[in-house]
């Protein structure tokens, strides 16, 4: 299954607690859309966040974000693991 990295360029009021809760909701809702959220990174100062997920399509991750918390990514890119 493909991997995707999404980028949220500016989430207003981004906090560690808020992004952790959004990720928790992604984990809950993701399977319903065929998406498995693996990891996230963020910078509270800039409001930027990144999410790594595995899904059949980028749209599956977007649909999960929409249902889980409404924070849609500005960009989604298919990526390959560099292990």
N, C-alpha and C. Protein backbone atom coordinates (compact mmCIF):
# COMPACT_ATOMS: atom_id res chain seq x y z
N UNK A 1 0.85 -1.17 0.00
CA UNK A 1 0.00 0.00 0.00
C UNK A 1 0.90 1.24 0.00
N UNK A 2 0.54 2.27 -0.74
CA UNK A 2 1.37 3.48 -0.83
C UNK A 2 1.41 4.27 0.49
N UNK A 3 2.49 5.01 0.64
CA UNK A 3 2.66 5.94 1.75
C UNK A 3 2.49 7.36 1.23
N UNK A 4 1.94 8.23 2.08
CA UNK A 4 1.75 9.63 1.72
C UNK A 4 2.21 10.52 2.87
N UNK A 5 2.76 11.68 2.52
CA UNK A 5 3.09 12.72 3.50
C UNK A 5 2.23 13.91 3.18
N UNK A 6 1.51 14.38 4.19
CA UNK A 6 0.75 15.60 3.95
C UNK A 6 1.34 16.75 4.75
N UNK A 7 1.11 17.95 4.24
CA UNK A 7 1.63 19.16 4.87
C UNK A 7 0.48 20.13 5.11
N UNK A 8 0.43 20.59 6.34
CA UNK A 8 -0.50 21.65 6.72
C UNK A 8 0.38 22.88 6.95
N UNK A 9 0.27 23.87 6.09
CA UNK A 9 1.18 25.02 6.15
C UNK A 9 0.95 25.94 7.34
N UNK A 10 -0.28 26.09 7.77
CA UNK A 10 -0.54 27.02 8.87
C UNK A 10 -1.82 26.62 9.59
N UNK A 11 -1.67 25.97 10.74
CA UNK A 11 -2.81 25.64 11.59
C UNK A 11 -2.84 26.68 12.70
N UNK A 12 -3.84 27.51 12.69
CA UNK A 12 -3.94 28.57 13.69
C UNK A 12 -4.04 27.97 15.09
N UNK A 13 -3.25 28.49 16.03
CA UNK A 13 -3.31 28.06 17.42
C UNK A 13 -2.78 26.65 17.66
N UNK A 14 -1.92 26.16 16.78
CA UNK A 14 -1.38 24.81 16.91
C UNK A 14 -0.64 24.63 18.23
N UNK A 15 -0.99 23.57 18.95
CA UNK A 15 -0.30 23.22 20.20
C UNK A 15 0.02 21.73 20.17
N UNK A 16 0.94 21.31 21.04
CA UNK A 16 1.29 19.89 21.13
C UNK A 16 0.07 19.07 21.52
N UNK A 17 -0.72 19.58 22.44
CA UNK A 17 -1.91 18.85 22.88
C UNK A 17 -2.95 18.76 21.76
N UNK A 18 -3.13 19.84 21.04
CA UNK A 18 -4.11 19.87 19.96
C UNK A 18 -3.76 18.93 18.83
N UNK A 19 -2.49 18.89 18.44
CA UNK A 19 -2.09 18.01 17.34
C UNK A 19 -2.11 16.55 17.78
N UNK A 20 -1.80 16.30 19.05
CA UNK A 20 -1.89 14.93 19.57
C UNK A 20 -3.34 14.44 19.53
N UNK A 21 -4.26 15.30 19.89
CA UNK A 21 -5.69 14.94 19.84
C UNK A 21 -6.15 14.73 18.40
N UNK A 22 -5.71 15.57 17.48
CA UNK A 22 -6.07 15.40 16.07
C UNK A 22 -5.54 14.06 15.55
N UNK A 23 -4.31 13.70 15.93
CA UNK A 23 -3.73 12.42 15.51
C UNK A 23 -4.51 11.26 16.11
N UNK A 24 -4.89 11.37 17.37
CA UNK A 24 -5.69 10.33 18.01
C UNK A 24 -6.98 10.10 17.23
N UNK A 25 -7.62 11.19 16.82
CA UNK A 25 -8.86 11.07 16.04
C UNK A 25 -8.59 10.45 14.67
N UNK A 26 -7.46 10.81 14.05
CA UNK A 26 -7.08 10.19 12.78
C UNK A 26 -6.95 8.67 12.94
N UNK A 27 -6.32 8.24 14.03
CA UNK A 27 -6.16 6.81 14.29
C UNK A 27 -7.51 6.12 14.43
N UNK A 28 -8.45 6.81 15.06
CA UNK A 28 -9.79 6.28 15.25
C UNK A 28 -10.57 6.16 13.94
N UNK A 29 -10.55 7.21 13.16
CA UNK A 29 -11.38 7.33 11.95
C UNK A 29 -10.71 6.74 10.71
N UNK A 30 -9.39 6.77 10.67
CA UNK A 30 -8.64 6.36 9.48
C UNK A 30 -9.05 5.01 8.89
N UNK A 31 -9.16 3.96 9.71
CA UNK A 31 -9.49 2.64 9.16
C UNK A 31 -10.81 2.61 8.39
N UNK A 32 -11.73 3.42 8.77
CA UNK A 32 -13.01 3.51 8.07
C UNK A 32 -12.81 3.94 6.61
N UNK A 33 -11.74 4.68 6.36
CA UNK A 33 -11.43 5.20 5.03
C UNK A 33 -10.27 4.44 4.37
N UNK A 34 -9.79 3.40 5.03
CA UNK A 34 -8.67 2.62 4.50
C UNK A 34 -7.32 3.27 4.74
N UNK A 35 -7.26 4.24 5.67
CA UNK A 35 -6.02 4.98 5.94
C UNK A 35 -5.46 4.60 7.31
N UNK A 36 -4.16 4.40 7.36
CA UNK A 36 -3.47 4.11 8.61
C UNK A 36 -2.47 5.24 8.86
N UNK A 37 -2.75 6.06 9.86
CA UNK A 37 -1.86 7.19 10.18
C UNK A 37 -0.72 6.67 11.05
N UNK A 38 0.51 6.96 10.62
CA UNK A 38 1.69 6.37 11.24
C UNK A 38 2.44 7.31 12.17
N UNK A 39 2.58 8.55 11.77
CA UNK A 39 3.41 9.49 12.53
C UNK A 39 3.04 10.91 12.16
N UNK A 40 3.38 11.85 13.03
CA UNK A 40 3.18 13.27 12.71
C UNK A 40 4.32 14.08 13.30
N UNK A 41 4.56 15.22 12.71
CA UNK A 41 5.57 16.17 13.16
C UNK A 41 4.94 17.56 13.10
N UNK A 42 5.39 18.46 13.94
CA UNK A 42 4.81 19.81 13.93
C UNK A 42 5.79 20.83 14.48
N UNK A 43 5.48 22.09 14.17
CA UNK A 43 6.21 23.22 14.72
C UNK A 43 5.15 24.21 15.19
N UNK A 44 5.00 24.33 16.50
CA UNK A 44 3.96 25.19 17.07
C UNK A 44 4.19 26.66 16.74
N UNK A 45 5.45 27.06 16.59
CA UNK A 45 5.74 28.47 16.29
C UNK A 45 5.24 28.88 14.90
N UNK A 46 5.40 27.99 13.93
CA UNK A 46 4.99 28.33 12.56
C UNK A 46 3.58 27.84 12.23
N UNK A 47 3.06 26.91 13.05
CA UNK A 47 1.75 26.33 12.78
C UNK A 47 1.78 25.25 11.72
N UNK A 48 2.97 24.82 11.34
CA UNK A 48 3.13 23.81 10.29
C UNK A 48 3.09 22.41 10.90
N UNK A 49 2.43 21.48 10.17
CA UNK A 49 2.35 20.08 10.62
C UNK A 49 2.47 19.15 9.42
N UNK A 50 3.00 17.96 9.68
CA UNK A 50 3.20 16.94 8.66
C UNK A 50 2.63 15.64 9.18
N UNK A 51 1.94 14.89 8.32
CA UNK A 51 1.38 13.60 8.71
C UNK A 51 1.82 12.54 7.70
N UNK A 52 2.30 11.42 8.21
CA UNK A 52 2.65 10.28 7.36
C UNK A 52 1.55 9.24 7.50
N UNK A 53 1.01 8.81 6.37
CA UNK A 53 -0.03 7.79 6.43
C UNK A 53 0.09 6.82 5.27
N UNK A 54 -0.48 5.66 5.48
CA UNK A 54 -0.52 4.60 4.47
C UNK A 54 -1.98 4.45 4.07
N UNK A 55 -2.25 4.45 2.77
CA UNK A 55 -3.62 4.38 2.28
C UNK A 55 -3.62 4.01 0.81
N UNK A 56 -4.75 3.56 0.30
CA UNK A 56 -4.81 3.24 -1.12
C UNK A 56 -4.68 4.47 -2.02
N UNK A 57 -5.15 5.63 -1.52
CA UNK A 57 -5.08 6.88 -2.27
C UNK A 57 -4.86 8.04 -1.31
N UNK A 58 -4.40 9.16 -1.84
CA UNK A 58 -4.25 10.37 -1.04
C UNK A 58 -5.61 10.83 -0.52
N UNK A 59 -6.64 10.63 -1.34
CA UNK A 59 -7.99 11.07 -0.97
C UNK A 59 -8.50 10.34 0.27
N UNK A 60 -8.08 9.10 0.47
CA UNK A 60 -8.50 8.36 1.66
C UNK A 60 -8.02 9.06 2.92
N UNK A 61 -6.77 9.55 2.91
CA UNK A 61 -6.25 10.29 4.05
C UNK A 61 -6.96 11.61 4.24
N UNK A 62 -7.24 12.28 3.14
CA UNK A 62 -7.96 13.55 3.19
C UNK A 62 -9.36 13.36 3.76
N UNK A 63 -10.04 12.30 3.33
CA UNK A 63 -11.38 12.01 3.84
C UNK A 63 -11.35 11.72 5.34
N UNK A 64 -10.32 10.99 5.79
CA UNK A 64 -10.18 10.71 7.21
C UNK A 64 -9.95 11.99 8.00
N UNK A 65 -9.06 12.87 7.52
CA UNK A 65 -8.83 14.15 8.19
C UNK A 65 -10.12 14.97 8.27
N UNK A 66 -10.85 14.99 7.17
CA UNK A 66 -12.10 15.76 7.11
C UNK A 66 -13.06 15.29 8.20
N UNK A 67 -13.24 13.98 8.30
CA UNK A 67 -14.17 13.44 9.30
C UNK A 67 -13.63 13.56 10.72
N UNK A 68 -12.34 13.34 10.90
CA UNK A 68 -11.75 13.31 12.24
C UNK A 68 -11.71 14.67 12.92
N UNK A 69 -11.34 15.71 12.15
CA UNK A 69 -11.16 17.03 12.80
C UNK A 69 -11.30 18.21 11.85
N UNK A 70 -11.39 17.96 10.56
CA UNK A 70 -11.59 19.05 9.61
C UNK A 70 -10.34 19.80 9.20
N UNK A 71 -9.17 19.39 9.68
CA UNK A 71 -7.92 20.07 9.33
C UNK A 71 -7.36 19.43 8.05
N UNK A 72 -7.72 20.00 6.91
CA UNK A 72 -7.30 19.44 5.64
C UNK A 72 -5.90 19.91 5.27
N UNK A 73 -5.14 19.02 4.66
CA UNK A 73 -3.77 19.33 4.26
C UNK A 73 -3.75 20.29 3.08
N UNK A 74 -2.70 21.09 3.02
CA UNK A 74 -2.49 21.99 1.89
C UNK A 74 -1.83 21.25 0.72
N UNK A 75 -1.13 20.17 1.06
CA UNK A 75 -0.40 19.42 0.04
C UNK A 75 -0.29 17.96 0.50
N UNK A 76 -0.45 17.03 -0.42
CA UNK A 76 -0.26 15.60 -0.13
C UNK A 76 0.63 15.03 -1.23
N UNK A 77 1.70 14.34 -0.82
CA UNK A 77 2.67 13.77 -1.76
C UNK A 77 2.87 12.30 -1.45
N UNK A 78 2.85 11.46 -2.49
CA UNK A 78 3.18 10.06 -2.29
C UNK A 78 4.68 9.96 -2.07
N UNK A 79 5.09 9.16 -1.08
CA UNK A 79 6.51 9.01 -0.72
C UNK A 79 6.88 7.54 -0.61
N UNK A 80 8.17 7.28 -0.70
CA UNK A 80 8.71 5.92 -0.51
C UNK A 80 9.56 5.91 0.75
N UNK A 81 9.53 4.82 1.48
CA UNK A 81 10.35 4.68 2.68
C UNK A 81 11.81 4.56 2.28
N UNK A 82 12.66 5.22 3.01
CA UNK A 82 14.09 5.18 2.71
C UNK A 82 14.85 4.34 3.72
N UNK A 83 14.40 3.15 3.93
CA UNK A 83 15.04 2.30 4.93
C UNK A 83 16.02 1.36 4.31
